Amino acid sequence: MLNVTRLVFTTAVIVFLIAPLLAILPLAFTSSAFLNYPIPSWSTRWFAELVNADAWRRSIVNSLIIGLGTTLLATVLGMLASLGLRNRTSMLLSAAKTVFLLPMVVPAVVLGVGMQVLFVRVGIASSYVGVIIAHTVVAIPFVVVSISGALAGIDRRVELAAESLGAPPLTVFREVTLPLAMPGVLSGAVLAFATSLDEVVLTLFVAGPNQRTLARQMFSTIRENISPAIAAAAFVFIVGTVTIALLMALLKRRSRHAAA
């Protein structure tokens, strides 16, 4: 009876989570100019609009540029932060860890206003650099949590054994620590990329007309005209994220086998 209850509860949670997606994604293939059911006929015209319309095409390219930049920067900084906070119990380092996690709880509007004022002063407002830095700030907590968890699972004696054999710290990190922590690094990278793709509020504050991302374009389109192109963009959004997650899972499995 307990197993049946668990199965029913799990199924209900899964349906609750994916029901909105199942409701909106089929509308990406409608031939109608409105987001409504029933679908009169099936068509790929809205996917063609994503490619042909300059606003949508530019937003997709901007999202890829900003997302990749954010992923690279957040992963590097998150890795360095996780290594610095590893196996540390002092109150100062605990406070530092809390600071790294603050962007997860601080309202995005507060971050957006603060970043806008700061970026104007340093001259990077309405630029790709500014948007990438803003997205990195909110992506780093996810990277730190992911990599810190992976580092916590590494047996310290393996690294000490490499050091006792004469390996310098950089070699120990490259040949021992990084391969063992790679699953967490890849998970953090995926989370950073997904966070960048999904971020709207910060983009509204720090991005200019030339840095309009896909999420911001979808938000603007909803305000101006509810078009099935939004559903098509969401379909591309979700399929792309799932594909990246599957590729990262495959790489994680290979890295585990290699480490073993």
Protein backbone atom coordinates (compact mmCIF):
# COMPACT_ATOMS: atom_id res chain seq x y z
CA MET A 1 0.00 0.00 0.00
CA LEU A 2 2.87 2.37 0.83
CA ASN A 3 4.49 1.75 -2.56
CA VAL A 4 1.22 2.47 -4.33
CA THR A 5 0.82 5.71 -2.39
CA ARG A 6 4.33 6.77 -3.32
CA LEU A 7 3.71 5.98 -6.97
CA VAL A 8 0.45 7.96 -7.01
CA PHE A 9 2.03 10.92 -5.24
CA THR A 10 5.07 10.92 -7.54
CA THR A 11 2.87 10.73 -10.62
CA ALA A 12 0.71 13.59 -9.37
CA VAL A 13 3.77 15.78 -8.75
CA ILE A 14 5.18 15.04 -12.21
CA VAL A 15 1.85 15.84 -13.88
CA PHE A 16 1.58 19.05 -11.86
CA LEU A 17 5.05 20.14 -13.02
CA ILE A 18 4.73 19.34 -16.71
CA ALA A 19 1.04 20.11 -17.24
CA PRO A 20 1.68 23.79 -18.17
CA LEU A 21 4.26 22.68 -20.73
CA LEU A 22 1.92 20.12 -22.23
CA ALA A 23 -0.72 22.83 -22.52
CA ILE A 24 1.41 25.43 -24.31
CA LEU A 25 3.94 23.50 -26.40
CA PRO A 26 1.46 21.99 -28.92
CA LEU A 27 0.42 25.56 -29.81
CA ALA A 28 3.88 26.05 -31.32
CA PHE A 29 2.63 23.96 -34.26
CA THR A 30 -0.67 25.74 -34.81
CA SER A 31 -1.51 27.45 -38.09
CA SER A 32 -3.65 30.00 -36.26
CA ALA A 33 -2.44 33.48 -35.39
CA PHE A 34 -3.74 33.10 -31.84
CA LEU A 35 -2.89 30.95 -28.85
CA ASN A 36 -6.11 29.02 -28.56
CA TYR A 37 -7.60 25.55 -28.77
CA PRO A 38 -8.71 23.67 -30.76
CA ILE A 39 -5.82 23.82 -33.20
CA PRO A 40 -7.29 24.33 -36.70
CA SER A 41 -4.35 22.65 -38.46
CA TRP A 42 -0.72 21.83 -37.88
CA SER A 43 1.99 24.10 -39.22
CA THR A 44 5.65 25.07 -38.67
CA ARG A 45 5.10 28.70 -39.71
CA TRP A 46 6.02 30.04 -36.28
CA PHE A 47 9.35 28.23 -36.26
CA ALA A 48 10.01 29.78 -39.65
CA GLU A 49 9.23 33.17 -38.12
CA LEU A 50 11.88 32.59 -35.46
CA VAL A 51 14.41 32.16 -38.24
CA ASN A 52 13.14 34.83 -40.63
CA ALA A 53 12.12 37.62 -38.23
CA ASP A 54 15.12 39.77 -37.40
CA ALA A 55 14.05 40.40 -33.79
CA TRP A 56 13.67 36.71 -32.95
CA ARG A 57 16.82 35.67 -34.82
CA ARG A 58 18.92 38.31 -33.09
CA SER A 59 17.50 37.40 -29.68
CA ILE A 60 18.43 33.75 -30.17
CA VAL A 61 21.99 34.66 -31.17
CA ASN A 62 22.27 37.04 -28.21
CA SER A 63 21.04 34.34 -25.82
CA LEU A 64 23.68 31.92 -27.10
CA ILE A 65 26.47 34.49 -26.82
CA ILE A 66 25.47 35.64 -23.35
CA GLY A 67 24.64 32.11 -22.17
CA LEU A 68 27.99 30.67 -23.24
CA GLY A 69 29.87 33.62 -21.76
CA THR A 70 27.97 33.28 -18.51
CA THR A 71 28.57 29.53 -18.38
CA LEU A 72 32.31 29.90 -18.87
CA LEU A 73 32.74 32.74 -16.37
CA ALA A 74 30.41 31.29 -13.72
CA THR A 75 31.98 27.84 -13.94
CA VAL A 76 35.54 29.17 -13.56
CA LEU A 77 34.65 31.51 -10.69
CA GLY A 78 32.43 28.90 -9.03
CA MET A 79 35.21 26.33 -9.23
CA LEU A 80 37.71 28.71 -7.65
CA ALA A 81 35.22 29.66 -4.93
CA SER A 82 34.41 26.02 -4.18
CA LEU A 83 38.10 25.14 -3.91
CA GLY A 84 38.68 28.08 -1.58
CA LEU A 85 35.77 27.13 0.65
CA ARG A 86 36.57 23.44 0.66
CA ASN A 87 37.16 21.84 4.07
CA ARG A 88 37.02 25.20 5.81
CA THR A 89 35.06 25.69 9.04
CA SER A 90 36.06 29.16 10.23
CA MET A 91 33.33 31.75 10.77
CA LEU A 92 34.88 34.07 8.18
CA LEU A 93 34.79 31.46 5.42
CA SER A 94 31.26 30.44 6.44
CA ALA A 95 30.24 34.06 6.01
CA ALA A 96 31.99 34.12 2.64
CA LYS A 97 30.03 31.06 1.55
CA THR A 98 26.82 32.79 2.58
CA VAL A 99 27.79 35.79 0.45
CA PHE A 100 28.22 33.53 -2.58
CA LEU A 101 24.69 32.21 -2.06
CA LEU A 102 23.04 35.60 -1.48
CA PRO A 103 22.04 36.15 -5.14
CA MET A 104 19.69 33.18 -4.77
CA VAL A 105 17.60 34.99 -2.15
CA VAL A 106 18.04 38.68 -2.98
CA PRO A 107 15.12 39.94 -5.13
CA ALA A 108 16.09 40.27 -8.78
CA VAL A 109 14.73 43.82 -8.90
CA VAL A 110 17.13 44.89 -6.14
CA LEU A 111 20.05 43.29 -7.97
CA GLY A 112 18.94 44.86 -11.23
CA VAL A 113 18.76 48.39 -9.84
CA GLY A 114 22.11 48.04 -8.10
CA MET A 115 23.82 46.62 -11.17
CA GLN A 116 22.36 49.29 -13.41
CA VAL A 117 23.77 52.06 -11.22
CA LEU A 118 27.15 50.32 -10.91
CA PHE A 119 27.47 49.45 -14.61
CA VAL A 120 26.69 53.01 -15.65
CA ARG A 121 29.49 54.25 -13.42
CA VAL A 122 32.07 51.78 -14.77
CA GLY A 123 30.94 52.17 -18.38
CA ILE A 124 29.66 48.69 -19.18
CA ALA A 125 25.91 49.39 -19.15
CA SER A 126 24.00 48.22 -22.22
CA SER A 127 26.86 45.96 -23.30
CA TYR A 128 27.42 42.23 -23.67
CA VAL A 129 30.04 42.35 -20.92
CA GLY A 130 27.58 43.92 -18.51
CA VAL A 131 24.84 41.38 -19.25
CA ILE A 132 27.24 38.45 -18.93
CA ILE A 133 28.50 39.75 -15.58
CA ALA A 134 24.94 40.27 -14.35
CA HIS A 135 23.90 36.74 -15.36
CA THR A 136 27.09 35.34 -13.83
CA VAL A 137 26.20 36.87 -10.47
CA VAL A 138 22.92 34.94 -10.30
CA ALA A 139 24.42 31.77 -11.81
CA ILE A 140 27.43 31.42 -9.50
CA PRO A 141 25.41 30.18 -6.47
CA PHE A 142 24.16 27.18 -8.45
CA VAL A 143 27.67 26.42 -9.65
CA VAL A 144 29.12 26.72 -6.14
CA VAL A 145 26.50 24.40 -4.66
CA SER A 146 27.00 21.82 -7.43
CA ILE A 147 30.80 21.81 -7.37
CA SER A 148 31.00 21.99 -3.56
CA GLY A 149 28.87 18.87 -3.36
CA ALA A 150 31.14 17.09 -5.83
CA LEU A 151 34.29 18.15 -3.95
CA ALA A 152 32.79 16.99 -0.65
CA GLY A 153 32.45 13.50 -2.12
CA ILE A 154 36.13 13.23 -3.04
CA ASP A 155 38.27 11.14 -0.71
CA ARG A 156 41.01 13.49 0.45
CA ARG A 157 43.40 10.54 0.80
CA VAL A 158 43.53 10.16 -2.98
CA GLU A 159 44.88 13.68 -3.35
CA LEU A 160 47.29 13.19 -0.45
CA ALA A 161 48.59 10.05 -2.12
CA ALA A 162 49.30 11.99 -5.31
CA GLU A 163 51.07 14.70 -3.29
CA SER A 164 53.16 12.10 -1.46
CA LEU A 165 54.38 10.81 -4.82
CA GLY A 166 55.77 14.22 -5.66
CA ALA A 167 52.94 15.72 -7.74
CA PRO A 168 52.77 19.53 -7.47
CA PRO A 169 49.42 21.12 -6.46
CA LEU A 170 48.51 22.07 -10.04
CA THR A 171 49.10 18.52 -11.24
CA VAL A 172 47.05 17.10 -8.37
CA PHE A 173 44.20 19.42 -9.31
CA ARG A 174 44.40 18.66 -13.03
CA GLU A 175 44.91 14.90 -12.81
CA VAL A 176 43.01 13.97 -9.65
CA THR A 177 40.67 16.61 -8.25
CA LEU A 178 39.18 17.94 -11.49
CA PRO A 179 38.35 14.53 -13.04
CA LEU A 180 36.67 13.40 -9.81
CA ALA A 181 34.74 16.66 -9.51
CA MET A 182 33.83 16.81 -13.20
CA PRO A 183 30.22 15.58 -12.72
CA GLY A 184 29.58 18.51 -10.39
CA VAL A 185 31.38 20.92 -12.71
CA LEU A 186 29.26 19.84 -15.67
CA SER A 187 26.06 20.05 -13.64
CA GLY A 188 27.00 23.54 -12.53
CA ALA A 189 27.73 24.56 -16.12
CA VAL A 190 24.31 23.34 -17.26
CA LEU A 191 22.60 25.20 -14.42
CA ALA A 192 24.53 28.37 -15.26
CA PHE A 193 23.51 28.17 -18.92
CA ALA A 194 19.88 27.49 -18.06
CA THR A 195 19.88 30.37 -15.55
CA SER A 196 21.22 32.74 -18.19
CA LEU A 197 18.64 31.65 -20.76
CA ASP A 198 15.80 32.11 -18.29
CA GLU A 199 16.86 35.45 -16.78
CA VAL A 200 14.54 38.34 -17.66
CA VAL A 201 14.53 40.88 -14.82
CA LEU A 202 18.26 41.60 -14.77
CA THR A 203 18.30 41.75 -18.56
CA LEU A 204 15.61 44.43 -18.49
CA PHE A 205 17.82 46.58 -16.25
CA VAL A 206 21.32 46.09 -17.69
CA ALA A 207 20.84 45.19 -21.36
CA GLY A 208 20.45 47.61 -24.24
CA PRO A 209 18.52 47.17 -27.50
CA ASN A 210 21.41 45.20 -29.04
CA GLN A 211 21.54 42.70 -26.17
CA ARG A 212 17.89 41.63 -26.24
CA THR A 213 17.83 37.95 -25.27
CA LEU A 214 15.27 35.31 -26.17
CA ALA A 215 13.64 35.50 -22.73
CA ARG A 216 13.39 39.28 -22.96
CA GLN A 217 11.98 39.05 -26.48
CA MET A 218 9.34 36.60 -25.28
CA PHE A 219 8.46 38.92 -22.39
CA SER A 220 8.15 41.91 -24.72
CA THR A 221 6.05 39.94 -27.20
CA ILE A 222 3.64 38.89 -24.46
CA ARG A 223 3.16 42.54 -23.49
CA GLU A 224 2.65 43.74 -27.06
CA ASN A 225 1.00 40.87 -28.90
CA ILE A 226 0.37 37.29 -27.76
CA SER A 227 1.63 35.29 -30.73
CA PRO A 228 2.20 31.53 -31.18
CA ALA A 229 5.79 32.49 -31.93
CA ILE A 230 6.17 32.61 -28.14
CA ALA A 231 5.20 28.95 -27.94
CA ALA A 232 7.65 28.12 -30.74
CA ALA A 233 10.41 29.98 -28.90
CA ALA A 234 9.53 28.15 -25.69
CA PHE A 235 9.67 24.84 -27.57
CA VAL A 236 13.16 25.65 -28.87
CA PHE A 237 14.11 26.88 -25.40
CA ILE A 238 13.05 23.64 -23.69
CA VAL A 239 14.37 21.26 -26.34
CA GLY A 240 17.73 23.02 -26.33
CA THR A 241 18.02 22.90 -22.54
CA VAL A 242 17.03 19.22 -22.38
CA THR A 243 19.49 18.37 -25.15
CA ILE A 244 22.33 20.11 -23.34
CA ALA A 245 21.38 18.37 -20.09
CA LEU A 246 21.42 14.97 -21.82
CA LEU A 247 24.81 15.67 -23.38
CA MET A 248 26.18 16.76 -20.03
CA ALA A 249 24.78 13.61 -18.41
CA LEU A 250 26.55 11.54 -21.04
CA LEU A 251 29.80 13.39 -20.41
CA LYS A 252 29.37 12.93 -16.66
CA ARG A 253 28.94 9.19 -17.12
CA ARG A 254 32.05 9.00 -19.27
CA SER A 255 34.05 11.04 -16.77
CA ARG A 256 32.97 8.72 -13.96
CA HIS A 257 34.09 5.68 -15.91
CA ALA A 258 37.38 7.38 -16.72
CA ALA A 259 37.92 8.31 -13.08
CA ALA A 260 37.13 4.76 -12.01
